[in-house]
Amino acid sequence: MFVGVDGCRVGWLAVLLNENSNCKVDVFPDVFSLWNRYKSTLLILIDIPIGLRKRGNEERKCDKKARQLLGHRRSSSVFPAPCRTAIYAAGGPPVCFQHPAELRFMLRVMREQT
């Protein structure tokens, strides 16, 4: 069994795929509830960026490669990951965004994911 997970407005959306290719969809308020339900599955695949840059606005190599592999039609589904400074910023615009458009885009993405 495999579980695919993505953030949503009310918590975490999980889709379980079993040996018979049947799907079951659940929503969990937090990742701990999700873990308690699915910890015995073979894999839990969570759609979140890992390996954030410490600072700066240079695109991560893994994001560039993922866009290349996906091709033109699906490359836009790889969102730019914010730098670590942006995640922990107490207020004001994160220092890693060089252009106002990039800041607006990331704020929109982060709002949609929460």
C-alpha atoms as a PDB file:
ATOM      1  CA  MET A   1       0.000   0.000   0.000  1.00  0.00           C
ATOM      2  CA  PHE A   2       1.095   3.546  -0.801  1.00  0.00           C
ATOM      3  CA  VAL A   3      -0.174   6.885   0.468  1.00  0.00           C
ATOM      4  CA  GLY A   4       0.186  10.153  -1.442  1.00  0.00           C
ATOM      5  CA  VAL A   5      -0.136  13.282   0.692  1.00  0.00           C
ATOM      6  CA  ASP A   6      -0.478  16.992  -0.021  1.00  0.00           C
ATOM      7  CA  GLY A   7      -1.289  20.001   2.108  1.00  0.00           C
ATOM      8  CA  CYS A   8      -4.778  21.481   1.832  1.00  0.00           C
ATOM      9  CA  ARG A   9      -6.746  24.264   3.500  1.00  0.00           C
ATOM     10  CA  VAL A  10      -7.983  22.052   6.340  1.00  0.00           C
ATOM     11  CA  GLY A  11      -4.847  19.978   6.922  1.00  0.00           C
ATOM     12  CA  TRP A  12      -3.460  17.063   4.905  1.00  0.00           C
ATOM     13  CA  LEU A  13      -5.158  15.277   2.007  1.00  0.00           C
ATOM     14  CA  ALA A  14      -4.143  11.609   1.778  1.00  0.00           C
ATOM     15  CA  VAL A  15      -4.891   9.126  -0.992  1.00  0.00           C
ATOM     16  CA  LEU A  16      -4.302   5.466  -0.172  1.00  0.00           C
ATOM     17  CA  LEU A  17      -3.629   3.112  -3.089  1.00  0.00           C
ATOM     18  CA  ASN A  18      -3.892  -0.555  -2.110  1.00  0.00           C
ATOM     19  CA  GLU A  19      -2.690  -3.766  -3.803  1.00  0.00           C
ATOM     20  CA  ASN A  20      -5.864  -3.956  -5.914  1.00  0.00           C
ATOM     21  CA  SER A  21      -5.378  -0.397  -7.226  1.00  0.00           C
ATOM     22  CA  ASN A  22      -8.350   0.806  -5.183  1.00  0.00           C
ATOM     23  CA  CYS A  23      -8.147   4.335  -3.771  1.00  0.00           C
ATOM     24  CA  LYS A  24      -9.343   5.739  -0.493  1.00  0.00           C
ATOM     25  CA  VAL A  25      -9.253   9.481   0.255  1.00  0.00           C
ATOM     26  CA  ASP A  26      -8.938  10.935   3.752  1.00  0.00           C
ATOM     27  CA  VAL A  27      -8.297  14.398   5.190  1.00  0.00           C
ATOM     28  CA  PHE A  28      -6.353  14.811   8.428  1.00  0.00           C
ATOM     29  CA  PRO A  29      -6.061  17.925  10.596  1.00  0.00           C
ATOM     30  CA  ASP A  30      -2.349  17.347  11.215  1.00  0.00           C
ATOM     31  CA  VAL A  31       0.515  15.142  10.065  1.00  0.00           C
ATOM     32  CA  PHE A  32       0.547  13.234  13.370  1.00  0.00           C
ATOM     33  CA  SER A  33      -3.017  12.000  12.798  1.00  0.00           C
ATOM     34  CA  LEU A  34      -2.046  10.976   9.285  1.00  0.00           C
ATOM     35  CA  TRP A  35       1.013   9.100  10.586  1.00  0.00           C
ATOM     36  CA  ASN A  36      -1.021   7.263  13.222  1.00  0.00           C
ATOM     37  CA  ARG A  37      -3.457   6.067  10.549  1.00  0.00           C
ATOM     38  CA  TYR A  38      -0.935   5.068   7.839  1.00  0.00           C
ATOM     39  CA  LYS A  39       2.346   4.267   9.628  1.00  0.00           C
ATOM     40  CA  SER A  40       2.128   0.606   8.571  1.00  0.00           C
ATOM     41  CA  THR A  41       1.973   1.373   4.812  1.00  0.00           C
ATOM     42  CA  LEU A  42       4.933   0.678   2.560  1.00  0.00           C
ATOM     43  CA  LEU A  43       5.478   4.322   1.587  1.00  0.00           C
ATOM     44  CA  ILE A  44       4.028   7.685   2.562  1.00  0.00           C
ATOM     45  CA  LEU A  45       4.836  10.185  -0.192  1.00  0.00           C
ATOM     46  CA  ILE A  46       4.404  13.795   0.993  1.00  0.00           C
ATOM     47  CA  ASP A  47       4.424  16.649  -1.520  1.00  0.00           C
ATOM     48  CA  ILE A  48       6.517  19.227   0.331  1.00  0.00           C
ATOM     49  CA  PRO A  49       9.845  20.810  -0.540  1.00  0.00           C
ATOM     50  CA  ILE A  50      12.849  19.457   1.323  1.00  0.00           C
ATOM     51  CA  GLY A  51      16.407  20.712   1.315  1.00  0.00           C
ATOM     52  CA  LEU A  52      15.621  24.429   1.405  1.00  0.00           C
ATOM     53  CA  ARG A  53      18.408  26.857   0.553  1.00  0.00           C
ATOM     54  CA  LYS A  54      19.802  28.798   3.500  1.00  0.00           C
ATOM     55  CA  ARG A  55      19.478  32.136   1.710  1.00  0.00           C
ATOM     56  CA  GLY A  56      19.418  33.773  -1.683  1.00  0.00           C
ATOM     57  CA  ASN A  57      17.123  33.472  -4.654  1.00  0.00           C
ATOM     58  CA  GLU A  58      18.949  30.949  -6.826  1.00  0.00           C
ATOM     59  CA  GLU A  59      16.651  28.185  -7.995  1.00  0.00           C
ATOM     60  CA  ARG A  60      17.365  24.734  -6.577  1.00  0.00           C
ATOM     61  CA  LYS A  61      18.993  22.278  -9.001  1.00  0.00           C
ATOM     62  CA  CYS A  62      16.430  19.580  -8.182  1.00  0.00           C
ATOM     63  CA  ASP A  63      13.577  21.937  -9.201  1.00  0.00           C
ATOM     64  CA  LYS A  64      15.283  22.740 -12.513  1.00  0.00           C
ATOM     65  CA  LYS A  65      15.820  19.035 -13.214  1.00  0.00           C
ATOM     66  CA  ALA A  66      12.233  18.165 -12.269  1.00  0.00           C
ATOM     67  CA  ARG A  67      10.897  20.794 -14.700  1.00  0.00           C
ATOM     68  CA  GLN A  68      13.133  19.417 -17.468  1.00  0.00           C
ATOM     69  CA  LEU A  69      11.934  15.859 -16.826  1.00  0.00           C
ATOM     70  CA  LEU A  70       8.269  16.896 -16.768  1.00  0.00           C
ATOM     71  CA  GLY A  71       8.491  18.886 -19.982  1.00  0.00           C
ATOM     72  CA  HIS A  72       6.734  22.083 -21.029  1.00  0.00           C
ATOM     73  CA  ARG A  73       3.172  20.938 -20.333  1.00  0.00           C
ATOM     74  CA  ARG A  74       3.744  19.947 -16.671  1.00  0.00           C
ATOM     75  CA  SER A  75       6.816  21.959 -15.656  1.00  0.00           C
ATOM     76  CA  SER A  76       4.669  24.685 -14.059  1.00  0.00           C
ATOM     77  CA  SER A  77       3.533  22.204 -11.393  1.00  0.00           C
ATOM     78  CA  VAL A  78       7.012  22.418  -9.790  1.00  0.00           C
ATOM     79  CA  PHE A  79       6.725  25.474  -7.560  1.00  0.00           C
ATOM     80  CA  PRO A  80       9.821  27.373  -6.464  1.00  0.00           C
ATOM     81  CA  ALA A  81      10.689  26.508  -2.885  1.00  0.00           C
ATOM     82  CA  PRO A  82      11.261  29.434  -0.543  1.00  0.00           C
ATOM     83  CA  CYS A  83      14.557  29.861   1.249  1.00  0.00           C
ATOM     84  CA  ARG A  84      14.813  28.922   4.917  1.00  0.00           C
ATOM     85  CA  THR A  85      14.831  32.634   5.851  1.00  0.00           C
ATOM     86  CA  ALA A  86      11.356  33.034   4.335  1.00  0.00           C
ATOM     87  CA  ILE A  87       9.949  30.158   6.344  1.00  0.00           C
ATOM     88  CA  TYR A  88      11.161  31.567   9.666  1.00  0.00           C
ATOM     89  CA  ALA A  89      10.657  35.287   8.927  1.00  0.00           C
ATOM     90  CA  ALA A  90       8.902  37.071  11.779  1.00  0.00           C
ATOM     91  CA  GLY A  91       7.579  39.890   9.614  1.00  0.00           C
ATOM     92  CA  GLY A  92       8.216  41.841   6.462  1.00  0.00           C
ATOM     93  CA  PRO A  93       9.212  40.421   3.092  1.00  0.00           C
ATOM     94  CA  PRO A  94      11.703  37.550   3.119  1.00  0.00           C
ATOM     95  CA  VAL A  95      15.201  38.586   2.114  1.00  0.00           C
ATOM     96  CA  CYS A  96      15.618  35.751  -0.402  1.00  0.00           C
ATOM     97  CA  PHE A  97      13.138  37.177  -2.927  1.00  0.00           C
ATOM     98  CA  GLN A  98      14.823  39.459  -5.395  1.00  0.00           C
ATOM     99  CA  HIS A  99      11.767  40.511  -7.413  1.00  0.00           C
ATOM    100  CA  PRO A 100       8.371  41.657  -6.072  1.00  0.00           C
ATOM    101  CA  ALA A 101       6.623  39.279  -8.512  1.00  0.00           C
ATOM    102  CA  GLU A 102       8.464  36.296  -6.985  1.00  0.00           C
ATOM    103  CA  LEU A 103       7.432  37.399  -3.494  1.00  0.00           C
ATOM    104  CA  ARG A 104       3.778  37.795  -4.529  1.00  0.00           C
ATOM    105  CA  PHE A 105       3.817  34.361  -6.190  1.00  0.00           C
ATOM    106  CA  MET A 106       5.301  32.615  -3.144  1.00  0.00           C
ATOM    107  CA  LEU A 107       2.899  34.325  -0.751  1.00  0.00           C
ATOM    108  CA  ARG A 108      -0.020  33.180  -2.922  1.00  0.00           C
ATOM    109  CA  VAL A 109       1.301  29.593  -3.050  1.00  0.00           C
ATOM    110  CA  MET A 110       1.881  29.530   0.699  1.00  0.00           C
ATOM    111  CA  ARG A 111      -1.671  30.833   1.338  1.00  0.00           C
ATOM    112  CA  GLU A 112      -3.146  28.172  -0.950  1.00  0.00           C
ATOM    113  CA  GLN A 113      -1.213  25.428   0.846  1.00  0.00           C
ATOM    114  CA  THR A 114      -2.466  26.473   4.304  1.00  0.00           C
END
